[in-house]
Amino acid sequence: MVKTRPVVGIPPVTKVKASSALKRQRRSYLMMLLPALLLVIGIMIPFLQGVARSFTNEKGYVPNPTFIGFDNYISLFTNSTFLTGLGVTILYVVLILAIQLPLALAIALLLEKASPVRRIGRNFIVLPLLIPPIVAGLMWKTMMQPSAGVLNYLMELVGIPGSTWLTDPATALISVVLIDTWAFTSFSALIILAGLQALPESLREAASIDGAGWWSTFRHIALPWLAPYIVLVALFRVADSLKQFDLIWPVTRGGPLNSTRLLHVQGYEEAFRFSSPAMAMAIIFVLWLIIYLSSFLLLRLWRRTINAVE
């Protein structure tokens, strides 16, 4: 008589339990995926409708709009007002990055070290984030009044002549940039501060043992470690600055002399002031393409910095 060995495997009851657990897991994934799909559909439908409208001659006084192809886009890129707004938008973003990134890094370094500045600063750094941009803009607009503003009054107390701030085309854009810097630099500083606190202490100790000073440690260890955080901050600020509206409109309404008339402001005026939703959607779609391209490039740079750190 031939003896057979028992087959060693997973008992049937265990297989059934594993299968039911896998089915429950799949159902939970589908339940979580469904709201995300609905959100994407809810966003894409009006977006595609807006893009389709940009290829028509729809206006408030045109009863039956017709398809006109790329005429709106050709008109945009042959319009000096649009090209000026495009240049102002790009300059605005460049100024935001040039001022806010170094300032946010300096604030993060101050708040990272144990000092009285750290104890006080951490309590007040979040205050600008609690104020809506519209309120912050109106507050600074009042403070920047040439004749009755508190900023000119304080400047004159120390012997500095007052500025025209928002009423002069030469200073209006930089004034709006300063308001934006006050409102959003704390957000950038908090992200960079989180990166500093995530820096392994062993790296600093190793640099200290090797005799490296503060500058060498910062340049060769902390700064490369912070590169992904800085690029992430640049990604957020570029996207926010390109579509900035709620801070600029209540402060300058795009003036004076179009000196702060960013593309988002132009799109708003085309839609609600000139009753031209088709042209407005063409402007917004161009703005969306710029945001998408810049975000794509910054995300690629962010992945490279992540790989370099790892």
C-alpha atoms as a PDB file:
ATOM      1  CA  MET A   1       0.000   0.000   0.000  1.00  0.00           C
ATOM      2  CA  VAL A   2       1.389   3.324  -1.075  1.00  0.00           C
ATOM      3  CA  LYS A   3       1.351   6.026   1.557  1.00  0.00           C
ATOM      4  CA  THR A   4       0.622   9.550   0.428  1.00  0.00           C
ATOM      5  CA  ARG A   5       1.759  12.636   2.230  1.00  0.00           C
ATOM      6  CA  PRO A   6      -0.827  15.255   3.089  1.00  0.00           C
ATOM      7  CA  VAL A   7      -0.811  18.333   0.892  1.00  0.00           C
ATOM      8  CA  VAL A   8       0.374  21.328   2.824  1.00  0.00           C
ATOM      9  CA  GLY A   9      -1.375  24.545   1.766  1.00  0.00           C
ATOM     10  CA  ILE A  10      -3.768  27.238   2.763  1.00  0.00           C
ATOM     11  CA  PRO A  11      -6.911  25.860   4.347  1.00  0.00           C
ATOM     12  CA  PRO A  12     -10.110  26.546   2.361  1.00  0.00           C
ATOM     13  CA  VAL A  13     -11.565  28.667   5.164  1.00  0.00           C
ATOM     14  CA  THR A  14      -8.484  30.925   5.133  1.00  0.00           C
ATOM     15  CA  LYS A  15      -8.712  31.286   1.349  1.00  0.00           C
ATOM     16  CA  VAL A  16     -12.345  32.348   1.600  1.00  0.00           C
ATOM     17  CA  LYS A  17     -11.520  34.901   4.300  1.00  0.00           C
ATOM     18  CA  ALA A  18      -8.641  36.333   2.243  1.00  0.00           C
ATOM     19  CA  SER A  19     -10.847  36.545  -0.842  1.00  0.00           C
ATOM     20  CA  SER A  20     -13.624  38.360   1.028  1.00  0.00           C
ATOM     21  CA  ALA A  21     -11.115  40.742   2.599  1.00  0.00           C
ATOM     22  CA  LEU A  22      -9.692  41.506  -0.860  1.00  0.00           C
ATOM     23  CA  LYS A  23     -13.184  42.183  -2.202  1.00  0.00           C
ATOM     24  CA  ARG A  24     -13.932  44.522   0.701  1.00  0.00           C
ATOM     25  CA  GLN A  25     -10.666  46.317   0.075  1.00  0.00           C
ATOM     26  CA  ARG A  26     -11.503  46.758  -3.599  1.00  0.00           C
ATOM     27  CA  ARG A  27     -14.968  48.051  -2.748  1.00  0.00           C
ATOM     28  CA  SER A  28     -13.455  50.592  -0.342  1.00  0.00           C
ATOM     29  CA  TYR A  29     -11.042  51.754  -3.064  1.00  0.00           C
ATOM     30  CA  LEU A  30     -13.925  52.168  -5.506  1.00  0.00           C
ATOM     31  CA  MET A  31     -15.966  54.067  -2.917  1.00  0.00           C
ATOM     32  CA  MET A  32     -13.064  56.463  -2.384  1.00  0.00           C
ATOM     33  CA  LEU A  33     -12.388  56.728  -6.118  1.00  0.00           C
ATOM     34  CA  LEU A  34     -15.960  57.621  -7.042  1.00  0.00           C
ATOM     35  CA  PRO A  35     -16.000  61.080  -5.320  1.00  0.00           C
ATOM     36  CA  ALA A  36     -12.640  61.886  -6.920  1.00  0.00           C
ATOM     37  CA  LEU A  37     -13.978  60.958 -10.366  1.00  0.00           C
ATOM     38  CA  LEU A  38     -17.092  63.059  -9.789  1.00  0.00           C
ATOM     39  CA  LEU A  39     -14.888  65.983  -8.763  1.00  0.00           C
ATOM     40  CA  VAL A  40     -12.737  65.615 -11.891  1.00  0.00           C
ATOM     41  CA  ILE A  41     -15.830  65.421 -14.091  1.00  0.00           C
ATOM     42  CA  GLY A  42     -17.354  68.416 -12.330  1.00  0.00           C
ATOM     43  CA  ILE A  43     -14.180  70.412 -13.033  1.00  0.00           C
ATOM     44  CA  MET A  44     -13.543  69.215 -16.574  1.00  0.00           C
ATOM     45  CA  ILE A  45     -17.041  69.813 -17.945  1.00  0.00           C
ATOM     46  CA  PRO A  46     -17.111  73.615 -17.313  1.00  0.00           C
ATOM     47  CA  PHE A  47     -13.430  73.831 -18.284  1.00  0.00           C
ATOM     48  CA  LEU A  48     -14.056  72.182 -21.676  1.00  0.00           C
ATOM     49  CA  GLN A  49     -17.184  74.287 -22.166  1.00  0.00           C
ATOM     50  CA  GLY A  50     -15.112  77.412 -21.528  1.00  0.00           C
ATOM     51  CA  VAL A  51     -12.430  76.309 -23.978  1.00  0.00           C
ATOM     52  CA  ALA A  52     -15.132  75.666 -26.600  1.00  0.00           C
ATOM     53  CA  ARG A  53     -16.566  79.161 -26.013  1.00  0.00           C
ATOM     54  CA  SER A  54     -13.155  80.687 -26.671  1.00  0.00           C
ATOM     55  CA  PHE A  55     -13.453  79.526 -30.304  1.00  0.00           C
ATOM     56  CA  THR A  56     -16.677  81.479 -30.861  1.00  0.00           C
ATOM     57  CA  ASN A  57     -17.600  85.146 -31.226  1.00  0.00           C
ATOM     58  CA  GLU A  58     -19.873  85.052 -28.174  1.00  0.00           C
ATOM     59  CA  LYS A  59     -20.591  88.481 -26.717  1.00  0.00           C
ATOM     60  CA  GLY A  60     -23.307  89.874 -24.527  1.00  0.00           C
ATOM     61  CA  TYR A  61     -24.884  91.631 -27.504  1.00  0.00           C
ATOM     62  CA  VAL A  62     -24.508  88.758 -30.021  1.00  0.00           C
ATOM     63  CA  PRO A  63     -27.663  86.603 -29.865  1.00  0.00           C
ATOM     64  CA  ASN A  64     -26.369  83.618 -31.846  1.00  0.00           C
ATOM     65  CA  PRO A  65     -22.599  83.090 -31.447  1.00  0.00           C
ATOM     66  CA  THR A  66     -20.811  81.198 -34.200  1.00  0.00           C
ATOM     67  CA  PHE A  67     -17.583  79.235 -34.456  1.00  0.00           C
ATOM     68  CA  ILE A  68     -14.674  81.447 -35.569  1.00  0.00           C
ATOM     69  CA  GLY A  69     -11.699  79.134 -34.972  1.00  0.00           C
ATOM     70  CA  PHE A  70      -8.519  80.728 -33.647  1.00  0.00           C
ATOM     71  CA  ASP A  71      -9.556  84.315 -34.405  1.00  0.00           C
ATOM     72  CA  ASN A  72      -9.759  85.240 -30.709  1.00  0.00           C
ATOM     73  CA  TYR A  73      -6.255  83.922 -30.047  1.00  0.00           C
ATOM     74  CA  ILE A  74      -4.846  85.663 -33.118  1.00  0.00           C
ATOM     75  CA  SER A  75      -6.486  88.865 -31.958  1.00  0.00           C
ATOM     76  CA  LEU A  76      -4.939  88.450 -28.509  1.00  0.00           C
ATOM     77  CA  PHE A  77      -1.378  88.029 -29.697  1.00  0.00           C
ATOM     78  CA  THR A  78      -1.685  90.992 -32.039  1.00  0.00           C
ATOM     79  CA  ASN A  79      -3.147  93.202 -29.306  1.00  0.00           C
ATOM     80  CA  SER A  80      -0.626  95.437 -27.540  1.00  0.00           C
ATOM     81  CA  THR A  81      -2.787  95.576 -24.390  1.00  0.00           C
ATOM     82  CA  PHE A  82      -2.728  91.793 -24.033  1.00  0.00           C
ATOM     83  CA  LEU A  83       1.019  91.609 -24.708  1.00  0.00           C
ATOM     84  CA  THR A  84       1.600  94.324 -22.102  1.00  0.00           C
ATOM     85  CA  GLY A  85      -0.502  92.358 -19.610  1.00  0.00           C
ATOM     86  CA  LEU A  86       1.465  89.215 -20.400  1.00  0.00           C
ATOM     87  CA  GLY A  87       4.725  91.042 -19.733  1.00  0.00           C
ATOM     88  CA  VAL A  88       3.368  92.522 -16.492  1.00  0.00           C
ATOM     89  CA  THR A  89       2.237  89.063 -15.357  1.00  0.00           C
ATOM     90  CA  ILE A  90       5.654  87.522 -15.993  1.00  0.00           C
ATOM     91  CA  LEU A  91       7.421  90.443 -14.298  1.00  0.00           C
ATOM     92  CA  TYR A  92       5.088  90.107 -11.308  1.00  0.00           C
ATOM     93  CA  VAL A  93       5.969  86.424 -10.916  1.00  0.00           C
ATOM     94  CA  VAL A  94       9.706  87.106 -11.256  1.00  0.00           C
ATOM     95  CA  LEU A  95       9.563  89.818  -8.589  1.00  0.00           C
ATOM     96  CA  ILE A  96       7.560  87.561  -6.267  1.00  0.00           C
ATOM     97  CA  LEU A  97      10.144  84.777  -6.509  1.00  0.00           C
ATOM     98  CA  ALA A  98      13.143  87.118  -6.301  1.00  0.00           C
ATOM     99  CA  ILE A  99      11.874  88.731  -3.097  1.00  0.00           C
ATOM    100  CA  GLN A 100       9.916  86.053  -1.302  1.00  0.00           C
ATOM    101  CA  LEU A 101      12.182  83.012  -1.655  1.00  0.00           C
ATOM    102  CA  PRO A 102      15.295  84.589  -0.044  1.00  0.00           C
ATOM    103  CA  LEU A 103      13.135  86.318   2.567  1.00  0.00           C
ATOM    104  CA  ALA A 104      11.284  83.100   3.436  1.00  0.00           C
ATOM    105  CA  LEU A 105      14.598  81.248   3.727  1.00  0.00           C
ATOM    106  CA  ALA A 106      15.994  83.939   6.053  1.00  0.00           C
ATOM    107  CA  ILE A 107      12.862  83.843   8.229  1.00  0.00           C
ATOM    108  CA  ALA A 108      13.000  80.049   8.416  1.00  0.00           C
ATOM    109  CA  LEU A 109      16.650  80.164   9.504  1.00  0.00           C
ATOM    110  CA  LEU A 110      15.807  82.702  12.231  1.00  0.00           C
ATOM    111  CA  LEU A 111      12.879  80.647  13.506  1.00  0.00           C
ATOM    112  CA  GLU A 112      14.835  77.401  13.433  1.00  0.00           C
ATOM    113  CA  LYS A 113      17.413  78.511  16.012  1.00  0.00           C
ATOM    114  CA  ALA A 114      16.486  78.679  19.693  1.00  0.00           C
ATOM    115  CA  SER A 115      16.323  82.396  20.492  1.00  0.00           C
ATOM    116  CA  PRO A 116      13.876  85.075  21.658  1.00  0.00           C
ATOM    117  CA  VAL A 117      13.164  85.792  17.966  1.00  0.00           C
ATOM    118  CA  ARG A 118      12.044  82.194  17.570  1.00  0.00           C
ATOM    119  CA  ARG A 119       9.612  82.335  20.482  1.00  0.00           C
ATOM    120  CA  ILE A 120       8.068  85.597  19.324  1.00  0.00           C
ATOM    121  CA  GLY A 121       8.215  84.940  15.594  1.00  0.00           C
ATOM    122  CA  ARG A 122       6.458  81.577  15.671  1.00  0.00           C
ATOM    123  CA  ASN A 123       3.488  83.199  17.356  1.00  0.00           C
ATOM    124  CA  PHE A 124       3.136  85.990  14.799  1.00  0.00           C
ATOM    125  CA  ILE A 125       4.239  84.413  11.518  1.00  0.00           C
ATOM    126  CA  VAL A 126       0.841  82.867  10.840  1.00  0.00           C
ATOM    127  CA  LEU A 127      -1.094  86.122  11.342  1.00  0.00           C
ATOM    128  CA  PRO A 128      -0.933  87.283   7.675  1.00  0.00           C
ATOM    129  CA  LEU A 129      -2.328  83.904   6.595  1.00  0.00           C
ATOM    130  CA  LEU A 130      -5.417  84.480   8.729  1.00  0.00           C
ATOM    131  CA  ILE A 131      -6.359  87.642   6.818  1.00  0.00           C
ATOM    132  CA  PRO A 132      -8.165  87.178   3.459  1.00  0.00           C
ATOM    133  CA  PRO A 133      -6.226  88.675   0.519  1.00  0.00           C
ATOM    134  CA  ILE A 134      -9.039  91.123  -0.252  1.00  0.00           C
ATOM    135  CA  VAL A 135      -8.975  92.460   3.311  1.00  0.00           C
ATOM    136  CA  ALA A 136      -5.172  92.604   3.295  1.00  0.00           C
ATOM    137  CA  GLY A 137      -5.213  94.511   0.000  1.00  0.00           C
ATOM    138  CA  LEU A 138      -7.733  97.071   1.229  1.00  0.00           C
ATOM    139  CA  MET A 139      -5.819  97.470   4.489  1.00  0.00           C
ATOM    140  CA  TRP A 140      -2.550  98.166   2.685  1.00  0.00           C
ATOM    141  CA  LYS A 141      -4.294 100.422   0.169  1.00  0.00           C
ATOM    142  CA  THR A 142      -5.372 102.628   3.059  1.00  0.00           C
ATOM    143  CA  MET A 143      -1.892 102.582   4.566  1.00  0.00           C
ATOM    144  CA  MET A 144      -0.312 103.487   1.206  1.00  0.00           C
ATOM    145  CA  GLN A 145      -2.406 106.604   0.572  1.00  0.00           C
ATOM    146  CA  PRO A 146       0.066 109.324  -0.524  1.00  0.00           C
ATOM    147  CA  SER A 147      -1.459 112.148   1.518  1.00  0.00           C
ATOM    148  CA  ALA A 148      -3.057 110.444   4.525  1.00  0.00           C
ATOM    149  CA  GLY A 149      -1.412 107.023   4.625  1.00  0.00           C
ATOM    150  CA  VAL A 150       0.457 105.851   7.688  1.00  0.00           C
ATOM    151  CA  LEU A 151       3.446 104.576   5.667  1.00  0.00           C
ATOM    152  CA  ASN A 152       4.335 107.998   4.282  1.00  0.00           C
ATOM    153  CA  TYR A 153       3.811 109.495   7.732  1.00  0.00           C
ATOM    154  CA  LEU A 154       6.276 107.044   9.298  1.00  0.00           C
ATOM    155  CA  MET A 155       8.779 107.576   6.482  1.00  0.00           C
ATOM    156  CA  GLU A 156       8.666 111.339   6.911  1.00  0.00           C
ATOM    157  CA  LEU A 157       9.252 110.978  10.661  1.00  0.00           C
ATOM    158  CA  VAL A 158      12.682 109.493   9.940  1.00  0.00           C
ATOM    159  CA  GLY A 159      13.474 111.959   7.158  1.00  0.00           C
ATOM    160  CA  ILE A 160      12.594 109.778   4.158  1.00  0.00           C
ATOM    161  CA  PRO A 161      10.368 111.415   1.531  1.00  0.00           C
ATOM    162  CA  GLY A 162       7.013 109.726   1.048  1.00  0.00           C
ATOM    163  CA  SER A 163       6.176 107.605  -1.978  1.00  0.00           C
ATOM    164  CA  THR A 164       3.275 107.686  -4.408  1.00  0.00           C
ATOM    165  CA  TRP A 165       2.900 103.920  -3.963  1.00  0.00           C
ATOM    166  CA  LEU A 166      -0.220 102.699  -5.817  1.00  0.00           C
ATOM    167  CA  THR A 167      -1.036 105.928  -7.657  1.00  0.00           C
ATOM    168  CA  ASP A 168       2.098 106.047  -9.838  1.00  0.00           C
ATOM    169  CA  PRO A 169       2.644 103.585 -12.738  1.00  0.00           C
ATOM    170  CA  ALA A 170       6.339 103.475 -11.858  1.00  0.00           C
ATOM    171  CA  THR A 171       5.709 102.227  -8.302  1.00  0.00           C
ATOM    172  CA  ALA A 172       2.287 100.536  -8.463  1.00  0.00           C
ATOM    173  CA  LEU A 173       3.529  97.070  -9.437  1.00  0.00           C
ATOM    174  CA  ILE A 174       6.288  96.906  -6.830  1.00  0.00           C
ATOM    175  CA  SER A 175       3.790  98.173  -4.236  1.00  0.00           C
ATOM    176  CA  VAL A 176       1.435  95.296  -5.044  1.00  0.00           C
ATOM    177  CA  VAL A 177       4.408  92.915  -4.877  1.00  0.00           C
ATOM    178  CA  LEU A 178       5.196  94.225  -1.385  1.00  0.00           C
ATOM    179  CA  ILE A 179       1.599  93.601  -0.307  1.00  0.00           C
ATOM    180  CA  ASP A 180       1.788  90.081  -1.730  1.00  0.00           C
ATOM    181  CA  THR A 181       5.083  89.561   0.094  1.00  0.00           C
ATOM    182  CA  TRP A 182       3.529  90.553   3.407  1.00  0.00           C
ATOM    183  CA  ALA A 183       0.524  88.291   2.821  1.00  0.00           C
ATOM    184  CA  PHE A 184       2.199  85.109   1.585  1.00  0.00           C
ATOM    185  CA  THR A 185       5.861  85.001   2.651  1.00  0.00           C
ATOM    186  CA  SER A 186       4.912  83.362   5.950  1.00  0.00           C
ATOM    187  CA  PHE A 187       3.415  80.436   4.017  1.00  0.00           C
ATOM    188  CA  SER A 188       6.705  79.942   2.166  1.00  0.00           C
ATOM    189  CA  ALA A 189       8.711  80.316   5.379  1.00  0.00           C
ATOM    190  CA  LEU A 190       6.671  77.616   7.132  1.00  0.00           C
ATOM    191  CA  ILE A 191       7.348  75.104   4.359  1.00  0.00           C
ATOM    192  CA  ILE A 192      11.093  75.839   4.400  1.00  0.00           C
ATOM    193  CA  LEU A 193      11.091  75.704   8.205  1.00  0.00           C
ATOM    194  CA  ALA A 194       9.544  72.235   8.022  1.00  0.00           C
ATOM    195  CA  GLY A 195      12.415  71.221   5.750  1.00  0.00           C
ATOM    196  CA  LEU A 196      14.988  72.582   8.188  1.00  0.00           C
ATOM    197  CA  GLN A 197      13.424  70.655  11.049  1.00  0.00           C
ATOM    198  CA  ALA A 198      13.486  67.473   8.951  1.00  0.00           C
ATOM    199  CA  LEU A 199      17.248  67.796   8.387  1.00  0.00           C
ATOM    200  CA  PRO A 200      18.945  64.879  10.196  1.00  0.00           C
ATOM    201  CA  GLU A 201      20.944  66.098  13.157  1.00  0.00           C
ATOM    202  CA  SER A 202      23.612  63.509  12.416  1.00  0.00           C
ATOM    203  CA  LEU A 203      24.605  65.411   9.266  1.00  0.00           C
ATOM    204  CA  ARG A 204      25.172  68.593  11.244  1.00  0.00           C
ATOM    205  CA  GLU A 205      27.112  66.742  13.913  1.00  0.00           C
ATOM    206  CA  ALA A 206      29.323  65.133  11.280  1.00  0.00           C
ATOM    207  CA  ALA A 207      30.011  68.531   9.712  1.00  0.00           C
ATOM    208  CA  SER A 208      30.800  69.986  13.149  1.00  0.00           C
ATOM    209  CA  ILE A 209      33.240  67.167  13.874  1.00  0.00           C
ATOM    210  CA  ASP A 210      34.960  67.824  10.542  1.00  0.00           C
ATOM    211  CA  GLY A 211      35.396  71.457  11.583  1.00  0.00           C
ATOM    212  CA  ALA A 212      32.885  73.003   9.208  1.00  0.00           C
ATOM    213  CA  GLY A 213      31.540  76.427  10.167  1.00  0.00           C
ATOM    214  CA  TRP A 214      27.980  77.667   9.927  1.00  0.00           C
ATOM    215  CA  TRP A 215      28.313  78.893   6.359  1.00  0.00           C
ATOM    216  CA  SER A 216      29.924  75.676   5.113  1.00  0.00           C
ATOM    217  CA  THR A 217      27.285  73.582   6.855  1.00  0.00           C
ATOM    218  CA  PHE A 218      24.510  75.691   5.409  1.00  0.00           C
ATOM    219  CA  ARG A 219      25.954  75.747   1.886  1.00  0.00           C
ATOM    220  CA  HIS A 220      26.961  72.100   1.538  1.00  0.00           C
ATOM    221  CA  ILE A 221      24.395  70.345   3.761  1.00  0.00           C
ATOM    222  CA  ALA A 222      21.351  72.449   4.623  1.00  0.00           C
ATOM    223  CA  LEU A 223      20.871  74.163   1.261  1.00  0.00           C
ATOM    224  CA  PRO A 224      20.990  70.968  -0.850  1.00  0.00           C
ATOM    225  CA  TRP A 225      18.638  69.365   1.662  1.00  0.00           C
ATOM    226  CA  LEU A 226      16.242  72.322   1.371  1.00  0.00           C
ATOM    227  CA  ALA A 227      16.307  72.368  -2.441  1.00  0.00           C
ATOM    228  CA  PRO A 228      13.116  70.259  -2.833  1.00  0.00           C
ATOM    229  CA  TYR A 229      11.288  72.461  -0.313  1.00  0.00           C
ATOM    230  CA  ILE A 230      12.396  75.652  -2.069  1.00  0.00           C
ATOM    231  CA  VAL A 231      11.288  74.312  -5.451  1.00  0.00           C
ATOM    232  CA  LEU A 232       7.968  73.290  -3.897  1.00  0.00           C
ATOM    233  CA  VAL A 233       7.501  76.819  -2.559  1.00  0.00           C
ATOM    234  CA  ALA A 234       8.354  78.204  -6.018  1.00  0.00           C
ATOM    235  CA  LEU A 235       5.750  75.889  -7.546  1.00  0.00           C
ATOM    236  CA  PHE A 236       3.019  77.134  -5.220  1.00  0.00           C
ATOM    237  CA  ARG A 237       3.943  80.793  -5.541  1.00  0.00           C
ATOM    238  CA  VAL A 238       4.271  80.726  -9.339  1.00  0.00           C
ATOM    239  CA  ALA A 239       0.831  79.148  -9.729  1.00  0.00           C
ATOM    240  CA  ASP A 240      -0.733  81.559  -7.219  1.00  0.00           C
ATOM    241  CA  SER A 241       0.962  84.638  -8.663  1.00  0.00           C
ATOM    242  CA  LEU A 242       0.017  83.873 -12.263  1.00  0.00           C
ATOM    243  CA  LYS A 243      -3.660  83.758 -11.336  1.00  0.00           C
ATOM    244  CA  GLN A 244      -3.530  86.537  -8.757  1.00  0.00           C
ATOM    245  CA  PHE A 245      -6.739  88.573  -8.757  1.00  0.00           C
ATOM    246  CA  ASP A 246      -8.331  88.984  -5.329  1.00  0.00           C
ATOM    247  CA  LEU A 247      -5.379  91.000  -4.036  1.00  0.00           C
ATOM    248  CA  ILE A 248      -4.893  93.218  -7.112  1.00  0.00           C
ATOM    249  CA  TRP A 249      -8.453  94.068  -8.114  1.00  0.00           C
ATOM    250  CA  PRO A 250      -9.549  95.789  -4.881  1.00  0.00           C
ATOM    251  CA  VAL A 251      -6.228  97.647  -4.646  1.00  0.00           C
ATOM    252  CA  THR A 252      -5.554  98.998  -8.150  1.00  0.00           C
ATOM    253  CA  ARG A 253      -8.183  97.472 -10.511  1.00  0.00           C
ATOM    254  CA  GLY A 254      -5.316  96.945 -12.948  1.00  0.00           C
ATOM    255  CA  GLY A 255      -4.155 100.560 -12.984  1.00  0.00           C
ATOM    256  CA  PRO A 256      -2.745 103.047 -13.114  1.00  0.00           C
ATOM    257  CA  LEU A 257      -2.216 102.941 -16.909  1.00  0.00           C
ATOM    258  CA  ASN A 258      -2.373  99.105 -16.977  1.00  0.00           C
ATOM    259  CA  SER A 259       0.739  98.882 -14.807  1.00  0.00           C
ATOM    260  CA  THR A 260      -0.854  96.109 -12.672  1.00  0.00           C
ATOM    261  CA  ARG A 261      -3.266  94.697 -15.260  1.00  0.00           C
ATOM    262  CA  LEU A 262      -2.344  91.021 -15.042  1.00  0.00           C
ATOM    263  CA  LEU A 263      -3.922  88.448 -17.361  1.00  0.00           C
ATOM    264  CA  HIS A 264      -6.453  87.365 -14.753  1.00  0.00           C
ATOM    265  CA  VAL A 265      -7.595  90.960 -14.372  1.00  0.00           C
ATOM    266  CA  GLN A 266      -7.858  91.260 -18.161  1.00  0.00           C
ATOM    267  CA  GLY A 267     -10.004  88.132 -18.332  1.00  0.00           C
ATOM    268  CA  TYR A 268     -12.315  89.466 -15.651  1.00  0.00           C
ATOM    269  CA  GLU A 269     -12.710  92.797 -17.454  1.00  0.00           C
ATOM    270  CA  GLU A 270     -13.398  91.136 -20.800  1.00  0.00           C
ATOM    271  CA  ALA A 271     -16.141  89.014 -19.246  1.00  0.00           C
ATOM    272  CA  PHE A 272     -17.891  91.516 -16.973  1.00  0.00           C
ATOM    273  CA  ARG A 273     -16.899  94.938 -18.243  1.00  0.00           C
ATOM    274  CA  PHE A 274     -16.818  94.427 -22.010  1.00  0.00           C
ATOM    275  CA  SER A 275     -19.395  91.562 -22.113  1.00  0.00           C
ATOM    276  CA  SER A 276     -17.091  89.323 -24.148  1.00  0.00           C
ATOM    277  CA  PRO A 277     -17.023  85.871 -22.506  1.00  0.00           C
ATOM    278  CA  ALA A 278     -15.393  84.277 -25.552  1.00  0.00           C
ATOM    279  CA  MET A 279     -12.392  86.624 -25.418  1.00  0.00           C
ATOM    280  CA  ALA A 280     -12.265  86.250 -21.634  1.00  0.00           C
ATOM    281  CA  MET A 281     -12.081  82.461 -21.955  1.00  0.00           C
ATOM    282  CA  ALA A 282      -9.333  82.805 -24.556  1.00  0.00           C
ATOM    283  CA  ILE A 283      -7.291  84.872 -22.089  1.00  0.00           C
ATOM    284  CA  ILE A 284      -7.958  82.442 -19.237  1.00  0.00           C
ATOM    285  CA  PHE A 285      -7.034  79.463 -21.421  1.00  0.00           C
ATOM    286  CA  VAL A 286      -3.721  81.097 -22.372  1.00  0.00           C
ATOM    287  CA  LEU A 287      -3.134  81.752 -18.678  1.00  0.00           C
ATOM    288  CA  TRP A 288      -3.966  78.120 -17.898  1.00  0.00           C
ATOM    289  CA  LEU A 289      -1.424  76.933 -20.477  1.00  0.00           C
ATOM    290  CA  ILE A 290       1.262  79.121 -18.898  1.00  0.00           C
ATOM    291  CA  ILE A 291       0.431  77.797 -15.419  1.00  0.00           C
ATOM    292  CA  TYR A 292       0.413  74.200 -16.667  1.00  0.00           C
ATOM    293  CA  LEU A 293       3.753  74.547 -18.458  1.00  0.00           C
ATOM    294  CA  SER A 294       5.480  76.290 -15.547  1.00  0.00           C
ATOM    295  CA  SER A 295       4.065  73.758 -13.057  1.00  0.00           C
ATOM    296  CA  PHE A 296       5.212  70.875 -15.263  1.00  0.00           C
ATOM    297  CA  LEU A 297       8.757  72.237 -15.450  1.00  0.00           C
ATOM    298  CA  LEU A 298       8.909  72.943 -11.715  1.00  0.00           C
ATOM    299  CA  LEU A 299       7.598  69.459 -10.903  1.00  0.00           C
ATOM    300  CA  ARG A 300      10.355  67.941 -13.026  1.00  0.00           C
ATOM    301  CA  LEU A 301      12.907  70.095 -11.203  1.00  0.00           C
ATOM    302  CA  TRP A 302      11.364  69.058  -7.874  1.00  0.00           C
ATOM    303  CA  ARG A 303      11.743  65.353  -8.738  1.00  0.00           C
ATOM    304  CA  ARG A 304      15.382  65.941  -9.677  1.00  0.00           C
ATOM    305  CA  THR A 305      16.106  67.643  -6.378  1.00  0.00           C
ATOM    306  CA  ILE A 306      14.351  64.808  -4.510  1.00  0.00           C
ATOM    307  CA  ASN A 307      16.523  62.237  -6.300  1.00  0.00           C
ATOM    308  CA  ALA A 308      19.648  64.296  -5.607  1.00  0.00           C
ATOM    309  CA  VAL A 309      18.865  64.380  -1.871  1.00  0.00           C
ATOM    310  CA  GLU A 310      18.132  60.672  -1.745  1.00  0.00           C
END
